[in-house]
Amino acid sequence: MIGTCRPTRRAALAGLAAALAAPSIVRAQEGAIRFGTLTPLTGTGGTYGPAMRDAVIGAVRAVNANGGLLGRQIQIVSEDTQTSPEAAVRAARKLIDVDGVAAIMGTWASSVTTAVAPLCWESKTMLFTVSGADSITQLPHQGFIARTQPNSQLQIEVASRFMVDQGGTSFAWIGPQTPFAQSSIDILTAVAAEAGIEVESLIYEAEKSTYRSEVDTILRSDPDFIQLGGYAADSTVLLRDLWQAGYEGMIIGPAYAVNDSVVEALPAEVLEGVFTWEGAPAIDSEAYANVQQILGVETVDPYSAQTYDHANLAMLAIGKAGASSGQAIHDHLREISQGSGQATGSAVSGLGVLPGDVNYDGASGPCDFDEIGDITGTQFLFKRFENGAPVEFERV
């Protein structure tokens, strides 16, 4: 069963009476297994959230169609973070306290993940996230966080070395205050210093209608390569203001900062030559093909690839454990995602191998986690805008 239902009062009371008449352990085993998606359906991350949710639903629907998990169906309860920590906390409380989910999947903004993480580890609810801030897996989460997104340190290191490799000689970083702003500046500065390059940085107030004064300030250092550290709304304004100021150097930003909404808002000439980076999904994998089919797209965005993996990882861990709690996912996650077991790209095929050993290889790549829940390796994809569209430039 996918989605939530709203029964009549009479049906609800009848169901409650029946539930209370049964022992609690029987109720827990006979009811649906519940997962929650907590993605940004609206707000800054709204470009990605619906597909992220749908990738989870598709993965679960495939298992339900093949008999379910532990003899039970899986129910997805979807909530919207609104790309807001406050809204996300309210939604997470509902998922945990009312819906009783075993896992929450798909938190996107680092500020959102930071806000909801304590609710998860305190309730022993497994949290799967695509957020990048280094600080997230440094929280005292007791193993209840698994991050499929490369952390910000790895991302900024790779992006900064790319800037050096492209021949930049004077760098600048500009972005709002976020959980990863200062660490991004520090990493860029360290990488640049190895090449004898100086870095100017500026942290601005988010969501302004113009950044012309900030642009004028950062351009005084005469950079030939600027790294963007904000989200799409800010990037739209910054790119416009940089172009109007006559800046002719190179620009790079994470793909989520220069996404489809930016492309729709700006003329092609403003975006010409701008670089982006993102974690590269495993485009030749069985899992990636599954997500393509679920979403009906040729190119799967990295976040939807990851949330598809979240669902499969949770289902395989539950299958391995023989129990459907967040603790069961916590205890068996690495058993089904790394090691020498039979490779699988979906829970449907992997569940057929259990109780034997399986090794889930995901749509986002190998899902090998270190001791604090960080993914241990991934590919990166760099693109460059040409005639208003991002074109693959390099994979590293």
Protein backbone atom coordinates (compact mmCIF):
# COMPACT_ATOMS: atom_id res chain seq x y z
CA MET A 1 0.00 0.00 0.00
CA ILE A 2 1.41 3.36 -0.99
CA GLY A 3 0.36 6.65 0.56
CA THR A 4 -1.88 7.50 3.50
CA CYS A 5 -5.61 7.01 3.98
CA ARG A 6 -8.20 9.01 5.88
CA PRO A 7 -10.85 6.62 7.29
CA THR A 8 -14.30 7.66 8.47
CA ARG A 9 -14.83 8.14 12.21
CA ARG A 10 -16.82 4.88 12.43
CA ALA A 11 -14.11 2.95 10.60
CA ALA A 12 -11.39 4.53 12.69
CA LEU A 13 -13.13 3.59 15.95
CA ALA A 14 -13.72 0.05 14.75
CA GLY A 15 -10.09 -0.27 13.76
CA LEU A 16 -8.92 1.12 17.09
CA ALA A 17 -11.08 -1.32 19.02
CA ALA A 18 -9.74 -4.25 17.03
CA ALA A 19 -6.18 -3.07 17.49
CA LEU A 20 -6.55 -2.68 21.24
CA ALA A 21 -7.99 -6.19 21.50
CA ALA A 22 -4.79 -7.74 20.13
CA PRO A 23 -1.47 -8.11 21.94
CA SER A 24 0.93 -5.31 21.04
CA ILE A 25 3.54 -7.65 19.56
CA VAL A 26 0.95 -9.16 17.22
CA ARG A 27 -0.21 -5.70 16.14
CA ALA A 28 3.40 -4.72 15.39
CA GLN A 29 4.04 -7.80 13.27
CA GLU A 30 0.73 -7.90 11.37
CA GLY A 31 0.44 -4.23 10.41
CA ALA A 32 2.12 -2.55 7.49
CA ILE A 33 5.80 -1.68 7.75
CA ARG A 34 6.02 2.10 7.49
CA PHE A 35 8.71 4.30 5.99
CA GLY A 36 8.58 8.08 5.86
CA THR A 37 9.83 10.32 3.10
CA LEU A 38 10.80 13.81 4.27
CA THR A 39 11.75 15.61 1.08
CA PRO A 40 11.53 19.25 -0.04
CA LEU A 41 8.31 19.27 -2.04
CA THR A 42 8.26 23.06 -1.81
CA GLY A 43 10.76 25.81 -1.02
CA THR A 44 14.32 26.04 -2.30
CA GLY A 45 14.65 22.30 -2.76
CA GLY A 46 11.25 21.89 -4.41
CA THR A 47 12.87 21.18 -7.76
CA TYR A 48 14.12 17.83 -6.43
CA GLY A 49 11.69 16.71 -3.73
CA PRO A 50 8.86 15.18 -5.77
CA ALA A 51 11.15 12.92 -7.80
CA MET A 52 13.05 11.95 -4.64
CA ARG A 53 9.76 10.86 -3.06
CA ASP A 54 8.63 9.04 -6.21
CA ALA A 55 11.87 7.05 -6.39
CA VAL A 56 11.18 5.68 -2.89
CA ILE A 57 7.58 4.89 -3.77
CA GLY A 58 8.69 3.03 -6.90
CA ALA A 59 11.22 0.92 -5.02
CA VAL A 60 8.64 0.00 -2.39
CA ARG A 61 5.91 -0.69 -4.94
CA ALA A 62 8.17 -3.28 -6.60
CA VAL A 63 8.66 -5.15 -3.31
CA ASN A 64 4.96 -4.96 -2.43
CA ALA A 65 4.12 -6.42 -5.84
CA ASN A 66 6.41 -9.36 -5.06
CA GLY A 67 4.76 -10.29 -1.78
CA GLY A 68 6.01 -7.54 0.50
CA LEU A 69 8.58 -7.73 3.27
CA LEU A 70 8.47 -10.28 6.10
CA GLY A 71 5.03 -11.22 4.80
CA ARG A 72 3.76 -7.66 5.22
CA GLN A 73 3.11 -4.76 2.89
CA ILE A 74 5.12 -1.55 3.15
CA GLN A 75 3.42 1.81 3.47
CA ILE A 76 5.05 5.12 2.52
CA VAL A 77 4.01 8.24 4.41
CA SER A 78 5.26 11.34 2.60
CA GLU A 79 5.81 14.73 4.22
CA ASP A 80 7.15 18.06 2.94
CA THR A 81 10.08 19.77 4.68
CA GLN A 82 9.23 22.99 2.82
CA THR A 83 13.06 23.33 2.85
CA SER A 84 12.54 24.72 6.36
CA PRO A 85 13.99 23.28 9.59
CA GLU A 86 10.90 24.32 11.57
CA ALA A 87 8.46 22.68 9.15
CA ALA A 88 10.69 19.61 8.92
CA VAL A 89 10.75 19.13 12.69
CA ARG A 90 6.94 19.22 12.82
CA ALA A 91 6.74 16.71 9.98
CA ALA A 92 9.36 14.43 11.52
CA ARG A 93 7.55 14.40 14.86
CA LYS A 94 4.39 13.32 13.05
CA LEU A 95 6.21 10.58 11.13
CA ILE A 96 7.81 9.24 14.30
CA ASP A 97 5.10 9.75 16.93
CA VAL A 98 1.91 9.29 14.88
CA ASP A 99 2.89 7.15 11.90
CA GLY A 100 5.51 5.06 13.68
CA VAL A 101 7.92 4.85 10.75
CA ALA A 102 11.02 2.68 11.00
CA ALA A 103 13.04 5.02 8.78
CA ILE A 104 12.92 8.56 7.43
CA MET A 105 14.40 9.07 3.97
CA GLY A 106 15.41 11.97 1.79
CA THR A 107 16.22 14.99 3.95
CA TRP A 108 17.92 17.43 1.58
CA ALA A 109 18.99 20.74 3.12
CA SER A 110 21.72 20.38 5.74
CA SER A 111 19.87 22.72 8.10
CA VAL A 112 16.82 20.45 7.88
CA THR A 113 18.79 17.28 8.53
CA THR A 114 20.58 18.88 11.47
CA ALA A 115 17.22 19.85 12.98
CA VAL A 116 15.48 16.48 12.62
CA ALA A 117 18.43 14.19 13.38
CA PRO A 118 18.07 14.31 17.20
CA LEU A 119 14.42 13.26 16.91
CA CYS A 120 15.54 10.24 14.92
CA TRP A 121 18.35 8.98 17.10
CA GLU A 122 16.36 9.58 20.29
CA SER A 123 13.49 7.46 18.92
CA LYS A 124 15.79 4.91 17.24
CA THR A 125 14.38 5.82 13.83
CA MET A 126 16.89 5.36 11.00
CA LEU A 127 17.59 8.57 9.07
CA PHE A 128 18.82 8.39 5.47
CA THR A 129 19.97 11.74 4.09
CA VAL A 130 21.38 13.39 0.97
CA SER A 131 22.67 16.44 2.89
CA GLY A 132 26.34 17.35 2.57
CA ALA A 133 27.42 19.32 5.67
CA ASP A 134 30.32 17.63 7.45
CA SER A 135 28.77 18.44 10.83
CA ILE A 136 25.81 16.10 10.28
CA THR A 137 27.65 12.80 10.72
CA GLN A 138 29.70 14.34 13.52
CA LEU A 139 26.53 14.60 15.62
CA PRO A 140 26.13 12.02 18.44
CA HIS A 141 23.70 10.01 16.31
CA GLN A 142 24.68 6.57 17.62
CA GLY A 143 24.65 5.12 14.11
CA PHE A 144 21.14 6.23 13.19
CA ILE A 145 22.29 8.42 10.28
CA ALA A 146 23.41 7.08 6.90
CA ARG A 147 24.46 9.64 4.32
CA THR A 148 24.59 8.70 0.63
CA GLN A 149 25.75 12.16 -0.45
CA PRO A 150 29.49 12.92 -0.44
CA ASN A 151 30.16 15.20 2.51
CA SER A 152 30.95 18.84 1.90
CA GLN A 153 34.65 18.38 2.62
CA LEU A 154 35.01 15.86 -0.21
CA GLN A 155 32.82 17.92 -2.55
CA ILE A 156 34.66 21.19 -1.99
CA GLU A 157 38.07 19.50 -2.22
CA VAL A 158 37.19 18.00 -5.60
CA ALA A 159 35.62 21.24 -6.87
CA SER A 160 38.57 23.31 -5.66
CA ARG A 161 41.12 21.06 -7.36
CA PHE A 162 39.04 21.32 -10.52
CA MET A 163 39.37 25.11 -10.29
CA VAL A 164 43.15 24.77 -10.05
CA ASP A 165 43.23 22.31 -12.95
CA GLN A 166 41.27 24.72 -15.14
CA GLY A 167 44.02 27.30 -14.75
CA GLY A 168 42.50 29.67 -12.22
CA THR A 169 45.02 32.02 -10.59
CA SER A 170 42.87 34.10 -8.21
CA PHE A 171 39.86 32.60 -6.43
CA ALA A 172 36.79 33.91 -4.64
CA TRP A 173 34.03 32.21 -2.65
CA ILE A 174 30.64 33.84 -2.14
CA GLY A 175 27.61 32.39 -0.36
CA PRO A 176 25.15 32.70 2.54
CA GLN A 177 25.64 31.52 6.10
CA THR A 178 25.00 27.76 6.09
CA PRO A 179 26.26 24.80 8.15
CA PHE A 180 29.00 24.30 5.52
CA ALA A 181 29.90 27.90 4.62
CA GLN A 182 33.01 28.32 6.75
CA SER A 183 34.30 24.82 6.08
CA SER A 184 33.89 25.44 2.33
CA ILE A 185 35.95 28.61 2.58
CA ASP A 186 38.62 26.83 4.63
CA ILE A 187 38.90 23.91 2.21
CA LEU A 188 39.04 26.12 -0.88
CA THR A 189 41.68 28.27 0.81
CA ALA A 190 43.80 25.23 1.71
CA VAL A 191 43.64 23.69 -1.77
CA ALA A 192 44.37 27.04 -3.40
CA ALA A 193 47.32 27.66 -1.08
CA GLU A 194 48.97 24.47 -2.30
CA ALA A 195 49.00 26.04 -5.77
CA GLY A 196 50.06 29.46 -4.51
CA ILE A 197 46.61 30.96 -5.13
CA GLU A 198 44.92 33.47 -2.83
CA VAL A 199 41.21 33.34 -1.96
CA GLU A 200 38.80 36.16 -1.17
CA SER A 201 35.54 35.17 0.58
CA LEU A 202 32.27 36.88 1.38
CA ILE A 203 29.25 35.62 3.33
CA TYR A 204 26.06 37.44 2.39
CA GLU A 205 22.48 37.69 3.63
CA ALA A 206 20.33 35.08 1.88
CA GLU A 207 17.31 35.77 -0.30
CA LYS A 208 18.02 39.38 -1.27
CA SER A 209 16.66 40.84 -4.49
CA THR A 210 20.09 42.16 -5.48
CA TYR A 211 23.70 41.36 -4.61
CA ARG A 212 25.28 44.16 -6.61
CA SER A 213 27.13 45.64 -3.63
CA GLU A 214 28.42 42.18 -2.65
CA VAL A 215 29.48 41.55 -6.25
CA ASP A 216 31.32 44.87 -6.36
CA THR A 217 33.10 43.94 -3.12
CA ILE A 218 34.21 40.49 -4.29
CA LEU A 219 35.34 41.77 -7.69
CA ARG A 220 37.76 44.23 -6.08
CA SER A 221 40.13 41.28 -5.55
CA ASP A 222 40.04 40.64 -9.33
CA PRO A 223 39.26 36.90 -9.17
CA ASP A 224 39.34 34.81 -12.32
CA PHE A 225 37.39 31.91 -10.76
CA ILE A 226 34.43 32.30 -8.38
CA GLN A 227 32.87 29.46 -6.39
CA LEU A 228 29.18 29.87 -5.48
CA GLY A 229 28.08 28.61 -2.07
CA GLY A 230 24.35 29.30 -2.02
CA TYR A 231 21.11 27.82 -3.28
CA ALA A 232 19.28 28.38 -6.57
CA ALA A 233 17.34 31.52 -5.65
CA ASP A 234 20.50 33.35 -4.58
CA SER A 235 22.50 32.00 -7.51
CA THR A 236 19.95 33.41 -9.94
CA VAL A 237 20.47 36.90 -8.54
CA LEU A 238 24.25 36.54 -8.19
CA LEU A 239 24.80 35.28 -11.72
CA ARG A 240 22.71 38.11 -13.11
CA ASP A 241 24.57 40.71 -11.06
CA LEU A 242 27.99 39.27 -11.97
CA TRP A 243 27.07 39.39 -15.65
CA GLN A 244 25.76 42.94 -15.39
CA ALA A 245 28.97 43.95 -13.60
CA GLY A 246 30.97 42.76 -16.61
CA TYR A 247 32.68 39.81 -14.91
CA GLU A 248 34.35 37.66 -17.57
CA GLY A 249 36.10 35.04 -15.43
CA MET A 250 35.04 31.48 -14.62
CA ILE A 251 32.25 30.50 -12.20
CA ILE A 252 31.46 27.16 -10.56
CA GLY A 253 28.72 26.03 -8.20
CA PRO A 254 27.06 22.84 -7.01
CA ALA A 255 24.42 21.57 -9.43
CA TYR A 256 21.63 22.28 -6.95
CA ALA A 257 22.68 25.95 -6.96
CA VAL A 258 22.48 26.26 -10.76
CA ASN A 259 19.49 24.04 -11.49
CA ASP A 260 16.52 24.13 -13.85
CA SER A 261 14.89 27.03 -12.02
CA VAL A 262 18.01 29.14 -12.64
CA VAL A 263 18.06 28.14 -16.30
CA GLU A 264 14.42 29.18 -16.67
CA ALA A 265 15.06 32.54 -15.00
CA LEU A 266 18.20 33.68 -16.83
CA PRO A 267 19.14 34.26 -20.47
CA ALA A 268 21.56 31.77 -21.98
CA GLU A 269 24.32 34.37 -22.26
CA VAL A 270 24.34 34.87 -18.47
CA LEU A 271 24.98 31.16 -17.91
CA GLU A 272 27.44 30.61 -20.75
CA GLY A 273 30.58 28.86 -19.49
CA VAL A 274 29.36 28.36 -15.90
CA PHE A 275 30.55 25.05 -14.39
CA THR A 276 28.59 22.83 -12.00
CA TRP A 277 29.49 19.73 -10.03
CA GLU A 278 27.47 16.91 -8.51
CA GLY A 279 27.90 13.39 -7.25
CA ALA A 280 27.58 11.22 -10.34
CA PRO A 281 25.06 8.36 -10.24
CA ALA A 282 26.16 4.92 -11.40
CA ILE A 283 24.67 5.29 -14.87
CA ASP A 284 25.54 1.75 -16.01
CA SER A 285 24.05 0.01 -12.97
CA GLU A 286 20.93 -2.13 -12.65
CA ALA A 287 19.68 0.21 -9.94
CA TYR A 288 20.02 3.31 -12.13
CA ALA A 289 18.00 1.62 -14.87
CA ASN A 290 15.31 0.85 -12.31
CA VAL A 291 15.06 4.52 -11.33
CA GLN A 292 14.92 5.58 -14.97
CA GLN A 293 11.91 3.32 -15.39
CA ILE A 294 10.24 4.48 -12.17
CA LEU A 295 10.57 8.17 -13.01
CA GLY A 296 10.19 7.84 -16.77
CA VAL A 297 13.34 9.85 -17.45
CA GLU A 298 16.57 9.30 -19.33
CA THR A 299 18.76 11.19 -16.85
CA VAL A 300 18.20 10.58 -13.13
CA ASP A 301 19.19 13.39 -10.79
CA PRO A 302 21.66 12.39 -8.05
CA TYR A 303 19.18 12.91 -5.20
CA SER A 304 16.51 10.62 -6.65
CA ALA A 305 19.18 8.00 -7.28
CA GLN A 306 20.09 8.26 -3.61
CA THR A 307 16.55 8.04 -2.24
CA TYR A 308 15.93 4.95 -4.36
CA ASP A 309 18.96 3.53 -2.59
CA HIS A 310 17.59 4.61 0.80
CA ALA A 311 14.47 2.52 0.30
CA ASN A 312 16.33 -0.55 -0.94
CA LEU A 313 18.89 -0.37 1.84
CA ALA A 314 16.16 -0.16 4.48
CA MET A 315 14.18 -3.05 2.99
CA LEU A 316 17.21 -5.31 2.65
CA ALA A 317 18.35 -4.54 6.21
CA ILE A 318 14.90 -5.41 7.53
CA GLY A 319 14.89 -8.59 5.46
CA LYS A 320 18.29 -9.54 6.85
CA ALA A 321 17.22 -8.79 10.42
CA GLY A 322 13.83 -10.46 10.27
CA ALA A 323 12.48 -7.46 12.16
CA SER A 324 11.09 -4.12 11.01
CA SER A 325 12.34 -1.55 13.52
CA GLY A 326 14.73 1.33 13.06
CA GLN A 327 17.10 -0.56 15.34
CA ALA A 328 17.00 -3.53 12.96
CA ILE A 329 17.96 -1.29 10.02
CA HIS A 330 20.72 0.27 12.14
CA ASP A 331 22.13 -3.12 13.11
CA HIS A 332 22.13 -4.74 9.65
CA LEU A 333 22.70 -1.86 7.21
CA ARG A 334 26.36 -2.61 6.54
CA GLU A 335 25.77 -6.36 6.32
CA ILE A 336 23.69 -5.89 3.16
CA SER A 337 25.58 -2.99 1.58
CA GLN A 338 29.24 -3.91 1.71
CA GLY A 339 31.36 -6.99 1.70
CA SER A 340 31.60 -10.04 -0.53
CA GLY A 341 27.92 -10.96 -0.78
CA GLN A 342 26.02 -11.42 -4.03
CA ALA A 343 25.75 -8.09 -5.83
CA THR A 344 22.22 -6.78 -6.25
CA GLY A 345 20.68 -3.55 -7.53
CA SER A 346 17.25 -3.88 -5.95
CA ALA A 347 15.56 -5.19 -2.85
CA VAL A 348 13.38 -7.43 -5.03
CA SER A 349 16.38 -9.42 -6.22
CA GLY A 350 18.29 -9.10 -2.96
CA LEU A 351 15.49 -10.41 -0.78
CA GLY A 352 15.54 -13.58 -2.86
CA VAL A 353 19.12 -14.19 -1.78
CA LEU A 354 18.53 -13.70 1.94
CA PRO A 355 19.29 -15.08 4.44
CA GLY A 356 22.43 -15.46 2.36
CA ASP A 357 24.86 -12.57 1.96
CA VAL A 358 24.06 -9.68 -0.39
CA ASN A 359 25.94 -6.54 -1.37
CA TYR A 360 23.67 -3.74 -2.55
CA ASP A 361 25.18 -1.60 -5.31
CA GLY A 362 22.99 1.42 -5.75
CA ALA A 363 21.83 3.85 -8.37
CA SER A 364 24.09 6.43 -6.72
CA GLY A 365 27.04 4.03 -6.64
CA PRO A 366 28.45 1.60 -4.06
CA CYS A 367 26.74 2.10 -0.71
CA ASP A 368 29.72 1.52 1.58
CA PHE A 369 29.52 3.49 4.83
CA ASP A 370 32.27 4.36 7.28
CA GLU A 371 31.92 4.23 11.05
CA ILE A 372 30.11 7.59 11.27
CA GLY A 373 27.70 6.93 8.40
CA ASP A 374 29.47 8.70 5.55
CA ILE A 375 29.64 7.17 2.09
CA THR A 376 33.25 6.22 1.42
CA GLY A 377 33.56 6.96 -2.27
CA THR A 378 31.78 8.31 -5.30
CA GLN A 379 32.30 9.74 -8.76
CA PHE A 380 31.82 13.42 -9.51
CA LEU A 381 30.36 14.89 -12.67
CA PHE A 382 31.32 18.36 -13.89
CA LYS A 383 29.16 20.12 -16.46
CA ARG A 384 29.56 23.39 -18.35
CA PHE A 385 26.76 25.54 -19.72
CA GLU A 386 26.69 25.89 -23.48
CA ASN A 387 23.88 27.76 -25.23
CA GLY A 388 21.77 27.72 -22.09
CA ALA A 389 22.11 24.02 -21.26
CA PRO A 390 24.53 22.07 -19.02
CA VAL A 391 26.77 19.73 -21.02
CA GLU A 392 28.94 16.99 -19.52
CA PHE A 393 32.50 18.27 -19.21
CA GLU A 394 34.42 15.78 -17.04
CA ARG A 395 33.98 12.83 -14.67
CA VAL A 396 36.42 12.33 -11.82
